[in-house]
N, C-alpha and C. Protein backbone atom coordinates (compact mmCIF):
# COMPACT_ATOMS: atom_id res chain seq x y z
N MET A 1 -90.83 53.37 266.49
CA MET A 1 -90.89 54.79 266.17
C MET A 1 -91.99 55.11 265.16
N ILE A 2 -91.90 54.33 264.02
CA ILE A 2 -92.83 54.54 262.97
C ILE A 2 -94.31 54.16 263.43
N ARG A 3 -94.32 53.10 264.21
CA ARG A 3 -95.62 52.70 264.72
C ARG A 3 -96.28 53.71 265.66
N SER A 4 -95.46 54.36 266.49
CA SER A 4 -95.99 55.41 267.47
C SER A 4 -96.43 56.63 266.60
N ILE A 5 -95.68 57.02 265.50
CA ILE A 5 -96.08 58.15 264.70
C ILE A 5 -97.43 57.78 264.01
N PHE A 6 -97.58 56.61 263.49
CA PHE A 6 -98.84 56.21 262.87
C PHE A 6 -99.96 56.20 263.88
N SER A 7 -99.73 55.76 265.09
CA SER A 7 -100.71 55.73 266.14
C SER A 7 -101.15 57.19 266.54
N LEU A 8 -100.18 58.09 266.58
CA LEU A 8 -100.48 59.50 266.90
C LEU A 8 -101.35 60.13 265.74
N PHE A 9 -100.94 59.75 264.50
CA PHE A 9 -101.73 60.26 263.35
C PHE A 9 -103.19 59.75 263.53
N ALA A 10 -103.31 58.52 263.75
CA ALA A 10 -104.65 57.87 263.85
C ALA A 10 -105.50 58.48 264.95
N ILE A 11 -104.83 58.71 266.07
CA ILE A 11 -105.59 59.31 267.26
C ILE A 11 -105.98 60.78 267.06
N PHE A 12 -105.09 61.53 266.46
CA PHE A 12 -105.39 62.94 266.39
C PHE A 12 -105.94 63.47 265.02
N PHE A 13 -105.40 63.02 263.97
CA PHE A 13 -105.78 63.56 262.67
C PHE A 13 -107.01 62.91 261.98
N ILE A 14 -107.14 61.71 262.15
CA ILE A 14 -108.26 61.05 261.53
C ILE A 14 -109.58 61.60 262.10
N PRO A 15 -109.74 61.71 263.38
CA PRO A 15 -111.03 62.30 263.90
C PRO A 15 -111.20 63.71 263.40
N ILE A 16 -110.18 64.53 263.35
CA ILE A 16 -110.25 65.90 262.90
C ILE A 16 -110.75 65.94 261.42
N PHE A 17 -110.11 65.17 260.53
CA PHE A 17 -110.49 65.09 259.14
C PHE A 17 -111.92 64.55 258.98
N SER A 18 -112.30 63.61 259.80
CA SER A 18 -113.65 63.06 259.74
C SER A 18 -114.64 64.10 260.11
N PHE A 19 -114.32 64.87 261.17
CA PHE A 19 -115.25 65.95 261.67
C PHE A 19 -115.43 66.97 260.61
N LEU A 20 -114.35 67.48 259.99
CA LEU A 20 -114.37 68.47 258.97
C LEU A 20 -115.15 68.03 257.73
N SER A 21 -114.99 66.73 257.35
CA SER A 21 -115.65 66.29 256.14
C SER A 21 -117.15 66.26 256.30
N PHE A 22 -117.72 66.03 257.51
CA PHE A 22 -119.11 65.88 257.72
C PHE A 22 -119.68 67.30 257.88
N ASN A 23 -119.01 68.36 258.11
CA ASN A 23 -119.51 69.69 258.32
C ASN A 23 -119.45 70.55 257.14
N THR A 24 -119.24 70.02 255.88
CA THR A 24 -119.13 70.85 254.72
C THR A 24 -120.41 71.07 253.98
N THR A 25 -121.47 70.35 254.36
CA THR A 25 -122.75 70.59 253.75
C THR A 25 -123.49 71.66 254.46
N ASN A 26 -124.24 72.41 253.59
CA ASN A 26 -125.06 73.49 254.14
C ASN A 26 -126.52 72.89 254.31
N GLU A 27 -127.08 73.32 255.48
CA GLU A 27 -128.49 72.97 255.64
C GLU A 27 -129.30 73.81 254.78
N SER A 28 -130.46 73.30 254.36
CA SER A 28 -131.38 74.07 253.48
C SER A 28 -132.77 73.84 253.98
N THR A 29 -133.66 74.69 253.45
CA THR A 29 -135.03 74.69 253.80
C THR A 29 -135.91 74.59 252.51
N LYS A 30 -136.92 73.78 252.56
CA LYS A 30 -137.88 73.63 251.39
C LYS A 30 -138.97 74.62 251.60
N TYR A 31 -139.37 75.32 250.46
CA TYR A 31 -140.45 76.30 250.49
C TYR A 31 -141.45 75.87 249.46
N LYS A 32 -142.74 75.98 249.87
CA LYS A 32 -143.82 75.90 248.89
C LYS A 32 -143.86 77.22 248.20
N CYS A 33 -143.91 77.18 246.86
CA CYS A 33 -143.88 78.43 246.09
C CYS A 33 -145.12 78.46 245.23
N LEU A 34 -146.07 79.33 245.54
CA LEU A 34 -147.34 79.52 244.85
C LEU A 34 -147.16 80.62 243.81
N ILE A 35 -147.39 80.31 242.56
CA ILE A 35 -147.22 81.28 241.46
C ILE A 35 -148.65 81.49 240.85
N GLN A 36 -149.16 82.73 240.98
CA GLN A 36 -150.54 83.07 240.48
C GLN A 36 -150.28 83.91 239.22
N MET A 37 -150.67 83.47 238.01
CA MET A 37 -150.53 84.11 236.79
C MET A 37 -151.62 85.20 236.58
N THR A 38 -151.36 86.17 235.74
CA THR A 38 -152.32 87.18 235.33
C THR A 38 -153.25 86.50 234.32
N ASN A 39 -154.33 87.17 233.96
CA ASN A 39 -155.33 86.64 233.00
C ASN A 39 -154.94 87.00 231.59
N TYR A 40 -153.78 86.51 231.09
CA TYR A 40 -153.42 86.77 229.74
C TYR A 40 -153.91 85.68 228.85
N THR A 41 -153.98 85.87 227.57
CA THR A 41 -154.40 84.84 226.54
C THR A 41 -153.13 84.33 225.85
N GLY A 42 -153.24 83.11 225.42
CA GLY A 42 -152.06 82.54 224.68
C GLY A 42 -151.57 81.28 225.30
N GLU A 43 -150.43 80.89 224.83
CA GLU A 43 -149.79 79.58 225.41
C GLU A 43 -149.37 79.73 226.84
N GLY A 44 -149.06 78.63 227.43
CA GLY A 44 -148.61 78.57 228.78
C GLY A 44 -147.29 79.26 228.95
N ALA A 45 -147.03 79.85 230.07
CA ALA A 45 -145.78 80.59 230.37
C ALA A 45 -144.71 79.63 230.87
N TYR A 46 -143.54 79.87 230.40
CA TYR A 46 -142.34 79.28 230.93
C TYR A 46 -141.97 80.19 232.07
N VAL A 47 -141.63 79.66 233.31
CA VAL A 47 -141.27 80.40 234.45
C VAL A 47 -139.99 79.74 234.97
N ILE A 48 -138.93 80.55 235.00
CA ILE A 48 -137.64 80.11 235.55
C ILE A 48 -137.46 80.78 236.93
N ILE A 49 -137.14 79.99 237.99
CA ILE A 49 -136.88 80.47 239.34
C ILE A 49 -135.42 80.23 239.48
N SER A 50 -134.62 81.35 239.71
CA SER A 50 -133.20 81.26 239.84
C SER A 50 -132.73 81.94 241.09
N LEU A 51 -131.60 81.40 241.60
CA LEU A 51 -130.89 82.09 242.70
C LEU A 51 -129.75 82.87 242.11
N LEU A 52 -129.67 84.18 242.49
CA LEU A 52 -128.66 85.05 242.06
C LEU A 52 -127.81 85.60 243.19
N ASP A 53 -126.53 85.91 242.98
CA ASP A 53 -125.76 86.53 244.04
C ASP A 53 -125.98 88.01 244.06
N SER A 54 -125.24 88.75 244.88
CA SER A 54 -125.52 90.17 245.07
C SER A 54 -125.16 90.99 243.80
N LYS A 55 -124.42 90.38 242.92
CA LYS A 55 -124.04 91.15 241.73
C LYS A 55 -124.86 90.58 240.52
N ASP A 56 -125.99 89.97 240.75
CA ASP A 56 -126.88 89.44 239.75
C ASP A 56 -126.35 88.38 238.92
N ASN A 57 -125.33 87.62 239.43
CA ASN A 57 -124.85 86.47 238.68
C ASN A 57 -125.64 85.27 239.08
N TYR A 58 -126.06 84.49 238.08
CA TYR A 58 -126.74 83.22 238.32
C TYR A 58 -125.94 82.31 239.14
N GLN A 59 -126.53 81.70 240.15
CA GLN A 59 -125.84 80.72 240.97
C GLN A 59 -126.49 79.33 240.77
N LYS A 60 -127.78 79.27 240.66
CA LYS A 60 -128.46 77.99 240.59
C LYS A 60 -129.84 78.15 240.05
N THR A 61 -130.26 77.15 239.29
CA THR A 61 -131.73 77.08 238.89
C THR A 61 -132.46 76.33 239.97
N LEU A 62 -133.47 77.00 240.55
CA LEU A 62 -134.25 76.43 241.59
C LEU A 62 -135.45 75.63 241.06
N TYR A 63 -136.06 76.15 239.99
CA TYR A 63 -137.26 75.45 239.40
C TYR A 63 -137.51 75.95 238.03
N VAL A 64 -138.07 75.12 237.20
CA VAL A 64 -138.47 75.47 235.79
C VAL A 64 -139.89 75.05 235.56
N GLN A 65 -140.81 76.02 235.31
CA GLN A 65 -142.10 75.65 234.91
C GLN A 65 -142.09 75.65 233.37
N GLY A 66 -142.13 74.47 232.77
CA GLY A 66 -142.00 74.33 231.35
C GLY A 66 -140.91 73.28 231.04
N ASP A 67 -141.32 72.17 230.50
CA ASP A 67 -140.30 71.07 230.47
C ASP A 67 -139.93 70.74 228.99
N ASP A 68 -140.21 71.56 228.09
CA ASP A 68 -139.83 71.34 226.66
C ASP A 68 -138.54 72.17 226.38
N GLU A 69 -137.40 71.45 226.43
CA GLU A 69 -136.10 72.13 226.30
C GLU A 69 -135.94 72.85 224.98
N GLU A 70 -136.79 72.62 223.98
CA GLU A 70 -136.73 73.29 222.69
C GLU A 70 -136.88 74.78 222.80
N TRP A 71 -137.61 75.22 223.88
CA TRP A 71 -137.93 76.61 224.06
C TRP A 71 -137.06 77.32 225.10
N TYR A 72 -136.16 76.67 225.71
CA TYR A 72 -135.41 77.27 226.78
C TYR A 72 -134.58 78.46 226.29
N HIS A 73 -134.13 78.44 225.02
CA HIS A 73 -133.30 79.54 224.45
C HIS A 73 -134.12 80.86 224.42
N ASP A 74 -135.42 80.72 224.50
CA ASP A 74 -136.32 81.93 224.40
C ASP A 74 -136.35 82.64 225.79
N ILE A 75 -135.62 82.20 226.74
CA ILE A 75 -135.47 82.84 227.98
C ILE A 75 -133.97 83.26 228.08
N PRO A 76 -133.57 84.36 227.32
CA PRO A 76 -132.19 84.62 227.05
C PRO A 76 -131.23 84.85 228.23
N GLU A 77 -131.69 85.53 229.26
CA GLU A 77 -130.76 85.81 230.42
C GLU A 77 -130.43 84.46 231.10
N TRP A 78 -131.43 83.63 231.35
CA TRP A 78 -131.16 82.38 231.99
C TRP A 78 -130.41 81.44 231.13
N TRP A 79 -130.76 81.47 229.78
CA TRP A 79 -130.15 80.58 228.80
C TRP A 79 -128.58 80.85 228.73
N LYS A 80 -128.14 82.09 228.95
CA LYS A 80 -126.71 82.35 228.99
C LYS A 80 -126.01 81.59 230.07
N PHE A 81 -126.71 81.36 231.24
CA PHE A 81 -126.22 80.60 232.34
C PHE A 81 -126.41 79.11 232.16
N TYR A 82 -127.57 78.75 231.88
CA TYR A 82 -127.91 77.31 231.81
C TYR A 82 -127.40 76.62 230.54
N GLY A 83 -127.57 77.33 229.39
CA GLY A 83 -127.16 76.78 228.13
C GLY A 83 -125.73 76.36 227.96
N LYS A 84 -124.82 76.95 228.63
CA LYS A 84 -123.42 76.65 228.56
C LYS A 84 -123.17 75.29 229.15
N ARG A 85 -123.70 75.01 230.23
CA ARG A 85 -123.43 73.74 230.92
C ARG A 85 -124.51 72.64 230.80
N ARG A 86 -125.77 73.01 230.69
CA ARG A 86 -126.88 72.20 230.59
C ARG A 86 -126.93 71.08 231.60
N PRO A 87 -126.91 71.40 232.88
CA PRO A 87 -127.05 70.37 233.88
C PRO A 87 -128.45 69.72 233.80
N ASP A 88 -128.56 68.48 234.33
CA ASP A 88 -129.79 67.88 234.39
C ASP A 88 -130.80 68.57 235.33
N ILE A 89 -131.87 69.03 234.82
CA ILE A 89 -132.83 69.75 235.64
C ILE A 89 -134.17 68.98 235.70
N ASP A 90 -134.24 67.77 235.28
CA ASP A 90 -135.46 67.01 235.23
C ASP A 90 -136.16 66.96 236.56
N ALA A 91 -135.49 66.85 237.65
CA ALA A 91 -136.04 66.76 238.96
C ALA A 91 -136.72 68.12 239.44
N ILE A 92 -136.41 69.21 238.72
CA ILE A 92 -136.94 70.46 239.15
C ILE A 92 -137.76 71.17 238.00
N THR A 93 -138.45 70.37 237.23
CA THR A 93 -139.27 70.98 236.18
C THR A 93 -140.73 70.49 236.30
N GLY A 94 -141.59 71.32 235.78
CA GLY A 94 -143.03 71.08 235.72
C GLY A 94 -143.65 71.70 234.44
N ALA A 95 -144.93 71.49 234.30
CA ALA A 95 -145.59 72.00 233.15
C ALA A 95 -145.69 73.53 233.18
N THR A 96 -145.90 74.13 231.93
CA THR A 96 -146.02 75.58 231.87
C THR A 96 -147.27 75.95 232.60
N ILE A 97 -147.53 77.22 232.89
CA ILE A 97 -148.69 77.72 233.56
C ILE A 97 -149.44 78.67 232.64
N SER A 98 -150.71 78.38 232.39
CA SER A 98 -151.55 79.28 231.55
C SER A 98 -152.08 80.47 232.26
N GLY A 99 -152.57 81.43 231.45
CA GLY A 99 -153.12 82.65 232.02
C GLY A 99 -154.18 82.38 233.03
N GLY A 100 -154.15 83.06 234.10
CA GLY A 100 -155.20 83.00 235.16
C GLY A 100 -155.07 81.85 236.05
N LYS A 101 -154.12 80.93 235.73
CA LYS A 101 -153.95 79.65 236.55
C LYS A 101 -152.92 79.89 237.62
N ARG A 102 -152.82 78.89 238.50
CA ARG A 102 -151.72 78.93 239.53
C ARG A 102 -151.03 77.69 239.59
N ALA A 103 -149.86 77.62 240.09
CA ALA A 103 -149.08 76.46 240.27
C ALA A 103 -148.36 76.50 241.58
N ILE A 104 -148.19 75.33 242.22
CA ILE A 104 -147.50 75.19 243.45
C ILE A 104 -146.33 74.32 243.22
N SER A 105 -145.15 74.70 243.46
CA SER A 105 -143.93 73.91 243.39
C SER A 105 -143.16 74.03 244.69
N VAL A 106 -142.16 73.09 244.81
CA VAL A 106 -141.35 73.11 246.05
C VAL A 106 -139.94 73.39 245.59
N ILE A 107 -139.37 74.45 246.22
CA ILE A 107 -138.00 74.83 245.93
C ILE A 107 -137.23 74.71 247.21
N GLU A 108 -135.91 74.46 246.99
CA GLU A 108 -135.07 74.31 248.20
C GLU A 108 -133.92 75.30 248.14
N ILE A 109 -133.71 76.05 249.21
CA ILE A 109 -132.75 77.11 249.34
C ILE A 109 -131.87 76.89 250.55
N GLU A 110 -130.58 76.96 250.32
CA GLU A 110 -129.67 76.81 251.42
C GLU A 110 -129.86 77.99 252.43
N ASN A 111 -129.88 77.64 253.68
CA ASN A 111 -130.13 78.58 254.73
C ASN A 111 -129.06 79.76 254.76
N ASP A 112 -127.85 79.46 254.42
CA ASP A 112 -126.85 80.50 254.41
C ASP A 112 -127.03 81.53 253.27
N LYS A 113 -127.95 81.39 252.40
CA LYS A 113 -128.20 82.35 251.36
C LYS A 113 -129.26 83.40 251.83
N ILE A 114 -129.94 83.12 252.93
CA ILE A 114 -130.91 84.06 253.47
C ILE A 114 -130.14 85.14 254.21
N ASP A 115 -130.53 86.39 254.09
CA ASP A 115 -130.01 87.51 254.74
C ASP A 115 -128.49 87.67 254.45
N SER A 116 -128.08 87.30 253.30
CA SER A 116 -126.67 87.45 252.94
C SER A 116 -126.43 88.02 251.51
N GLY A 117 -127.44 88.73 251.02
CA GLY A 117 -127.29 89.45 249.76
C GLY A 117 -127.71 88.70 248.47
N TYR A 118 -128.21 87.49 248.67
CA TYR A 118 -128.68 86.69 247.49
C TYR A 118 -130.08 87.14 247.14
N LYS A 119 -130.47 86.79 245.92
CA LYS A 119 -131.78 87.14 245.33
C LYS A 119 -132.48 85.97 244.71
N ILE A 120 -133.73 86.06 244.58
CA ILE A 120 -134.51 85.14 243.72
C ILE A 120 -135.09 85.89 242.61
N ARG A 121 -134.99 85.31 241.38
CA ARG A 121 -135.50 85.90 240.17
C ARG A 121 -136.43 84.95 239.50
N PHE A 122 -137.64 85.50 239.13
CA PHE A 122 -138.65 84.71 238.43
C PHE A 122 -138.67 85.29 236.99
N GLU A 123 -138.20 84.63 236.04
CA GLU A 123 -138.28 85.00 234.60
C GLU A 123 -139.41 84.40 233.90
N THR A 124 -140.12 85.10 233.03
CA THR A 124 -141.27 84.48 232.25
C THR A 124 -141.17 84.81 230.80
N ALA A 125 -141.69 83.79 230.06
CA ALA A 125 -141.73 83.96 228.66
C ALA A 125 -142.93 83.22 228.11
N VAL A 126 -143.67 83.79 227.11
CA VAL A 126 -144.82 83.06 226.47
C VAL A 126 -144.54 83.15 225.00
N GLU A 127 -144.82 82.05 224.28
CA GLU A 127 -144.64 81.96 222.87
C GLU A 127 -145.38 83.06 222.18
N ASP A 128 -144.64 83.77 221.26
CA ASP A 128 -145.20 84.88 220.41
C ASP A 128 -145.65 86.04 221.31
N GLN A 129 -145.13 86.16 222.50
CA GLN A 129 -145.48 87.30 223.34
C GLN A 129 -144.20 87.84 224.00
N GLU A 130 -144.30 88.42 225.18
CA GLU A 130 -143.21 89.08 225.79
C GLU A 130 -142.30 88.11 226.56
N TYR A 131 -141.13 88.62 226.85
CA TYR A 131 -140.21 87.92 227.86
C TYR A 131 -139.88 88.96 228.89
N TYR A 132 -140.06 88.52 230.17
CA TYR A 132 -139.76 89.40 231.33
C TYR A 132 -138.59 88.81 232.09
N LYS A 133 -137.43 89.50 231.97
CA LYS A 133 -136.17 89.07 232.64
C LYS A 133 -136.44 89.00 234.15
N ASP A 134 -137.08 89.98 234.71
CA ASP A 134 -137.32 90.05 236.11
C ASP A 134 -138.78 90.34 236.41
N ASP A 135 -139.63 89.36 235.99
CA ASP A 135 -141.04 89.51 236.24
C ASP A 135 -141.23 89.78 237.79
N ILE A 136 -140.43 89.02 238.57
CA ILE A 136 -140.34 89.24 240.00
C ILE A 136 -138.87 88.95 240.32
N GLU A 137 -138.31 89.91 241.16
CA GLU A 137 -137.01 89.68 241.71
C GLU A 137 -136.95 90.37 243.11
N PHE A 138 -136.47 89.62 244.06
CA PHE A 138 -136.31 90.24 245.37
C PHE A 138 -135.13 89.56 246.14
N GLU A 139 -134.65 90.40 247.08
CA GLU A 139 -133.53 89.89 247.92
C GLU A 139 -134.06 88.92 248.95
N LEU A 140 -133.31 87.85 249.15
CA LEU A 140 -133.70 86.81 250.11
C LEU A 140 -133.34 87.28 251.54
N THR A 141 -134.43 87.62 252.21
CA THR A 141 -134.17 88.02 253.67
C THR A 141 -135.23 87.20 254.44
N SER A 142 -135.07 87.23 255.71
CA SER A 142 -136.07 86.49 256.61
C SER A 142 -137.44 87.00 256.39
N GLU A 143 -137.57 88.29 256.07
CA GLU A 143 -138.90 88.90 255.88
C GLU A 143 -139.51 88.64 254.48
N THR A 144 -138.65 88.93 253.49
CA THR A 144 -139.20 88.90 252.10
C THR A 144 -139.52 87.45 251.66
N ILE A 145 -138.90 86.46 252.24
CA ILE A 145 -139.19 85.07 251.92
C ILE A 145 -140.56 84.69 252.24
N LYS A 146 -141.20 85.42 253.21
CA LYS A 146 -142.57 85.05 253.67
C LYS A 146 -143.64 85.95 253.05
N ASN A 147 -143.23 87.01 252.34
CA ASN A 147 -144.21 87.95 251.85
C ASN A 147 -144.81 87.60 250.52
N LYS A 148 -145.94 88.21 250.20
CA LYS A 148 -146.50 88.00 248.84
C LYS A 148 -145.84 89.13 247.97
N VAL A 149 -145.31 88.79 246.82
CA VAL A 149 -144.59 89.68 245.99
C VAL A 149 -145.29 89.76 244.65
N GLU A 150 -145.65 91.04 244.23
CA GLU A 150 -146.33 91.29 242.99
C GLU A 150 -145.38 91.15 241.75
N GLY A 151 -145.95 90.66 240.63
CA GLY A 151 -145.15 90.55 239.44
C GLY A 151 -145.35 91.77 238.49
N LYS A 152 -144.49 91.90 237.43
CA LYS A 152 -144.52 92.97 236.57
C LYS A 152 -145.02 92.53 235.14
N GLY A 153 -145.07 91.27 234.92
CA GLY A 153 -145.46 90.73 233.58
C GLY A 153 -146.57 89.73 233.65
N PHE A 154 -146.29 88.50 233.36
CA PHE A 154 -147.27 87.37 233.26
C PHE A 154 -147.63 86.91 234.65
N ILE A 155 -146.72 87.15 235.73
CA ILE A 155 -147.02 86.70 237.03
C ILE A 155 -147.81 87.76 237.78
N ARG A 156 -149.00 87.39 238.36
CA ARG A 156 -149.71 88.39 239.18
C ARG A 156 -148.95 88.46 240.54
N TYR A 157 -148.65 87.40 241.17
CA TYR A 157 -147.95 87.43 242.50
C TYR A 157 -147.34 86.04 242.73
N VAL A 158 -146.43 86.05 243.73
CA VAL A 158 -145.82 84.83 244.23
C VAL A 158 -145.85 84.89 245.75
N ARG A 159 -146.09 83.81 246.32
CA ARG A 159 -146.06 83.61 247.79
C ARG A 159 -145.25 82.37 248.08
N MET A 160 -144.37 82.51 249.07
CA MET A 160 -143.56 81.39 249.44
C MET A 160 -143.77 81.14 250.99
N LEU A 161 -143.85 79.78 251.25
CA LEU A 161 -144.11 79.41 252.70
C LEU A 161 -143.02 78.37 253.03
N PRO A 162 -142.30 78.57 254.07
CA PRO A 162 -141.30 77.51 254.55
C PRO A 162 -142.12 76.25 254.96
N GLN A 163 -141.58 75.05 254.62
CA GLN A 163 -142.19 73.82 255.02
C GLN A 163 -141.64 73.32 256.31
């Protein structure tokens, strides 16, 4: 009796649990992200690329241009999110971007975030100059993810291309 119950369990439930465990990951797409800066003078800009939900709550840091943690607190909105937990972001950081220059980075976005109310925010800060909480911010839709988006501060524009 116990052996037959165990056999039924093995035949029916193990495959179901196995199937469910393999389907919990979300597929994602990598995007080349070109950031073109305005012709400002001064130090290189720190640029934070974040994923936000529909209520503007930070969900994830996608990329950081600027790898000196000493200055992260000068990006106050993002720091409220990142500074509490301080997850390891070494794999998604690069150098700051100077005025007039451009940088290309690769960011990864889960496919279920597109067309579902999520946003991308580009925050910028330059030492002894301005901080722009939403230098660029746009909703992640199938259309906007492919468009050139103009900035309001240190960023002239951003263009993203699916890889």
